[in-house]
Structure formats: C-alpha cells, structure tokens
Amino acid sequence: MEEIDPNKAVDFILKHAGELAEAEAQKDYLINYKSSLKSILMKRSGENSIGAQEREAYAHEEYLTLILGIQQAQIIESKLKLEVTAAKLRVEIWKAQQFSNKQLDKLLS
C-alpha cells in the first residue's frame, strides 16, 4: 500500500480550490444566462404565439450551444469536486492509519 502524505493531499486541495470555484461560478453563470438567452431568442423569433417563440428559442443554435457549455461546465465542476473529495479521504485514511499505528504500538509495548 502506498504511503499517504496528508500534506500532499492538502496541497492538492489548495492548488485546485480556485479552479473549482471558477468551474462552479461558470456553471452557475451559464445556467442563469440560459433564461436570458431563451428570452432574447424568443423576442428575435418574429413569432406571435408564446409556444412558437419557445419552439424557435429551444431549437436555436445559440441555445443548443449554451446547453453543451453547461454540460461541459458540469463535467469540469464534478471532476474537480471528486478530486478534492478524494484528497480529503486520503487525509482521513492517513489519520485512521496513524491512530491504528499508535494503538498497535501500545499493544506491543
């Protein structure tokens, strides 16, 4: 089993904290912008009925591109969250190993 260095795990979290914050902010921005873009596209559609305006907006290339952007932002955010969680788990595993080693040392002394 590989020796766990809790300092490396914490360094990893600190190194990627900014990236995670940016990924979350980007995803949130895109999700919020989705409603605005829908409204803009509905207004531009030239259709009279709300249903037709929505249909045009949802089918518009800009809207579909935005949906793909949201998907990519979600992937990046999820990946970073999982990596940070894994680093936190490494620290917890290290703590448990240290505790077990101390208990074993007490038993053997």
C-alpha atoms as a PDB file:
ATOM      1  CA  MET A   1       0.000   0.000   0.000  1.00  0.00           C
ATOM      2  CA  GLU A   2       1.295   3.437  -0.936  1.00  0.00           C
ATOM      3  CA  GLU A   3       2.221   5.733   1.928  1.00  0.00           C
ATOM      4  CA  ILE A   4      -0.226   8.617   2.186  1.00  0.00           C
ATOM      5  CA  ASP A   5       1.202  12.092   2.607  1.00  0.00           C
ATOM      6  CA  PRO A   6      -1.544  14.288   4.087  1.00  0.00           C
ATOM      7  CA  ASN A   7       0.403  17.411   3.198  1.00  0.00           C
ATOM      8  CA  LYS A   8       0.297  16.496  -0.496  1.00  0.00           C
ATOM      9  CA  ALA A   9      -3.434  15.916  -0.242  1.00  0.00           C
ATOM     10  CA  VAL A  10      -3.992  19.298   1.408  1.00  0.00           C
ATOM     11  CA  ASP A  11      -1.677  20.964  -1.123  1.00  0.00           C
ATOM     12  CA  PHE A  12      -3.739  19.420  -3.904  1.00  0.00           C
ATOM     13  CA  ILE A  13      -6.948  20.829  -2.407  1.00  0.00           C
ATOM     14  CA  LEU A  14      -5.416  24.288  -2.038  1.00  0.00           C
ATOM     15  CA  LYS A  15      -3.957  24.183  -5.546  1.00  0.00           C
ATOM     16  CA  HIS A  16      -7.311  23.303  -7.120  1.00  0.00           C
ATOM     17  CA  ALA A  17      -9.628  25.371  -4.909  1.00  0.00           C
ATOM     18  CA  GLY A  18      -9.544  28.301  -7.317  1.00  0.00           C
ATOM     19  CA  GLU A  19     -10.254  26.072 -10.304  1.00  0.00           C
ATOM     20  CA  LEU A  20     -13.211  24.534  -8.510  1.00  0.00           C
ATOM     21  CA  ALA A  21     -14.575  27.961  -7.564  1.00  0.00           C
ATOM     22  CA  GLU A  22     -14.221  29.141 -11.168  1.00  0.00           C
ATOM     23  CA  ALA A  23     -15.896  25.993 -12.506  1.00  0.00           C
ATOM     24  CA  GLU A  24     -18.825  26.408 -10.116  1.00  0.00           C
ATOM     25  CA  ALA A  25     -19.164  30.101 -10.993  1.00  0.00           C
ATOM     26  CA  GLN A  26     -19.020  29.379 -14.730  1.00  0.00           C
ATOM     27  CA  LYS A  27     -21.678  26.678 -14.462  1.00  0.00           C
ATOM     28  CA  ASP A  28     -23.921  28.933 -12.372  1.00  0.00           C
ATOM     29  CA  TYR A  29     -23.466  31.808 -14.835  1.00  0.00           C
ATOM     30  CA  LEU A  30     -24.362  29.620 -17.798  1.00  0.00           C
ATOM     31  CA  ILE A  31     -27.430  28.220 -16.058  1.00  0.00           C
ATOM     32  CA  ASN A  32     -28.623  31.727 -15.177  1.00  0.00           C
ATOM     33  CA  TYR A  33     -27.857  33.016 -18.669  1.00  0.00           C
ATOM     34  CA  LYS A  34     -29.957  30.223 -20.172  1.00  0.00           C
ATOM     35  CA  SER A  35     -33.201  32.011 -19.211  1.00  0.00           C
ATOM     36  CA  SER A  36     -31.947  35.297 -20.584  1.00  0.00           C
ATOM     37  CA  LEU A  37     -30.878  33.712 -23.848  1.00  0.00           C
ATOM     38  CA  LYS A  38     -34.242  31.992 -24.174  1.00  0.00           C
ATOM     39  CA  SER A  39     -35.983  35.353 -23.758  1.00  0.00           C
ATOM     40  CA  ILE A  40     -33.682  37.050 -26.257  1.00  0.00           C
ATOM     41  CA  LEU A  41     -34.238  34.305 -28.807  1.00  0.00           C
ATOM     42  CA  MET A  42     -38.000  34.311 -28.258  1.00  0.00           C
ATOM     43  CA  LYS A  43     -38.093  38.061 -28.869  1.00  0.00           C
ATOM     44  CA  ARG A  44     -35.966  37.679 -32.023  1.00  0.00           C
ATOM     45  CA  SER A  45     -38.053  34.825 -33.405  1.00  0.00           C
ATOM     46  CA  GLY A  46     -40.690  37.006 -35.027  1.00  0.00           C
ATOM     47  CA  GLU A  47     -43.373  34.536 -33.958  1.00  0.00           C
ATOM     48  CA  ASN A  48     -46.560  35.794 -32.309  1.00  0.00           C
ATOM     49  CA  SER A  49     -47.541  32.933 -30.039  1.00  0.00           C
ATOM     50  CA  ILE A  50     -45.538  32.095 -26.917  1.00  0.00           C
ATOM     51  CA  GLY A  51     -45.414  28.422 -27.896  1.00  0.00           C
ATOM     52  CA  ALA A  52     -43.932  29.205 -31.296  1.00  0.00           C
ATOM     53  CA  GLN A  53     -41.432  31.601 -29.750  1.00  0.00           C
ATOM     54  CA  GLU A  54     -40.338  28.940 -27.272  1.00  0.00           C
ATOM     55  CA  ARG A  55     -40.040  26.326 -30.006  1.00  0.00           C
ATOM     56  CA  GLU A  56     -37.811  28.644 -32.025  1.00  0.00           C
ATOM     57  CA  ALA A  57     -35.703  29.561 -28.989  1.00  0.00           C
ATOM     58  CA  TYR A  58     -35.164  25.962 -27.898  1.00  0.00           C
ATOM     59  CA  ALA A  59     -34.188  24.921 -31.427  1.00  0.00           C
ATOM     60  CA  HIS A  60     -31.837  27.858 -31.982  1.00  0.00           C
ATOM     61  CA  GLU A  61     -28.140  27.063 -32.463  1.00  0.00           C
ATOM     62  CA  GLU A  62     -27.095  29.557 -29.763  1.00  0.00           C
ATOM     63  CA  TYR A  63     -29.359  27.855 -27.222  1.00  0.00           C
ATOM     64  CA  LEU A  64     -28.105  24.394 -28.123  1.00  0.00           C
ATOM     65  CA  THR A  65     -24.503  25.610 -27.869  1.00  0.00           C
ATOM     66  CA  LEU A  66     -25.254  27.026 -24.426  1.00  0.00           C
ATOM     67  CA  ILE A  67     -26.690  23.681 -23.302  1.00  0.00           C
ATOM     68  CA  LEU A  68     -23.453  21.976 -24.393  1.00  0.00           C
ATOM     69  CA  GLY A  69     -21.488  24.621 -22.499  1.00  0.00           C
ATOM     70  CA  ILE A  70     -23.486  23.886 -19.360  1.00  0.00           C
ATOM     71  CA  GLN A  71     -22.771  20.193 -19.821  1.00  0.00           C
ATOM     72  CA  GLN A  72     -19.027  20.817 -20.129  1.00  0.00           C
ATOM     73  CA  ALA A  73     -19.040  23.142 -17.099  1.00  0.00           C
ATOM     74  CA  GLN A  74     -20.860  20.469 -15.085  1.00  0.00           C
ATOM     75  CA  ILE A  75     -18.281  17.851 -16.100  1.00  0.00           C
ATOM     76  CA  ILE A  76     -15.387  20.093 -15.063  1.00  0.00           C
ATOM     77  CA  GLU A  77     -17.056  21.012 -11.758  1.00  0.00           C
ATOM     78  CA  SER A  78     -17.927  17.394 -10.937  1.00  0.00           C
ATOM     79  CA  LYS A  79     -14.426  16.159 -11.751  1.00  0.00           C
ATOM     80  CA  LEU A  80     -12.808  18.789  -9.538  1.00  0.00           C
ATOM     81  CA  LYS A  81     -15.240  18.080  -6.696  1.00  0.00           C
ATOM     82  CA  LEU A  82     -14.461  14.367  -6.883  1.00  0.00           C
ATOM     83  CA  GLU A  83     -10.711  15.020  -6.921  1.00  0.00           C
ATOM     84  CA  VAL A  84     -10.986  17.293  -3.873  1.00  0.00           C
ATOM     85  CA  THR A  85     -13.151  14.700  -2.106  1.00  0.00           C
ATOM     86  CA  ALA A  86     -10.557  12.030  -2.868  1.00  0.00           C
ATOM     87  CA  ALA A  87      -7.825  14.232  -1.392  1.00  0.00           C
ATOM     88  CA  LYS A  88      -9.918  14.740   1.758  1.00  0.00           C
ATOM     89  CA  LEU A  89     -10.436  10.983   2.004  1.00  0.00           C
ATOM     90  CA  ARG A  90      -6.691  10.441   1.757  1.00  0.00           C
ATOM     91  CA  VAL A  91      -6.240  12.675   4.812  1.00  0.00           C
ATOM     92  CA  GLU A  92      -8.930  10.720   6.670  1.00  0.00           C
ATOM     93  CA  ILE A  93      -7.293   7.421   5.734  1.00  0.00           C
ATOM     94  CA  TRP A  94      -3.936   8.738   6.914  1.00  0.00           C
ATOM     95  CA  LYS A  95      -5.495   9.801  10.232  1.00  0.00           C
ATOM     96  CA  ALA A  96      -7.028   6.354  10.691  1.00  0.00           C
ATOM     97  CA  GLN A  97      -3.697   4.709   9.866  1.00  0.00           C
ATOM     98  CA  GLN A  98      -1.908   6.907  12.390  1.00  0.00           C
ATOM     99  CA  PHE A  99      -4.443   6.033  15.058  1.00  0.00           C
ATOM    100  CA  SER A 100      -4.138   2.313  14.267  1.00  0.00           C
ATOM    101  CA  ASN A 101      -0.343   2.519  14.393  1.00  0.00           C
ATOM    102  CA  LYS A 102      -0.498   4.186  17.820  1.00  0.00           C
ATOM    103  CA  GLN A 103      -2.883   1.529  19.110  1.00  0.00           C
ATOM    104  CA  LEU A 104      -0.633  -1.210  17.768  1.00  0.00           C
ATOM    105  CA  ASP A 105       2.418   0.408  19.365  1.00  0.00           C
ATOM    106  CA  LYS A 106       0.589   0.497  22.714  1.00  0.00           C
ATOM    107  CA  LEU A 107      -0.308  -3.184  22.435  1.00  0.00           C
ATOM    108  CA  LEU A 108       3.247  -4.162  21.563  1.00  0.00           C
ATOM    109  CA  SER A 109       4.849  -2.074  24.310  1.00  0.00           C
END
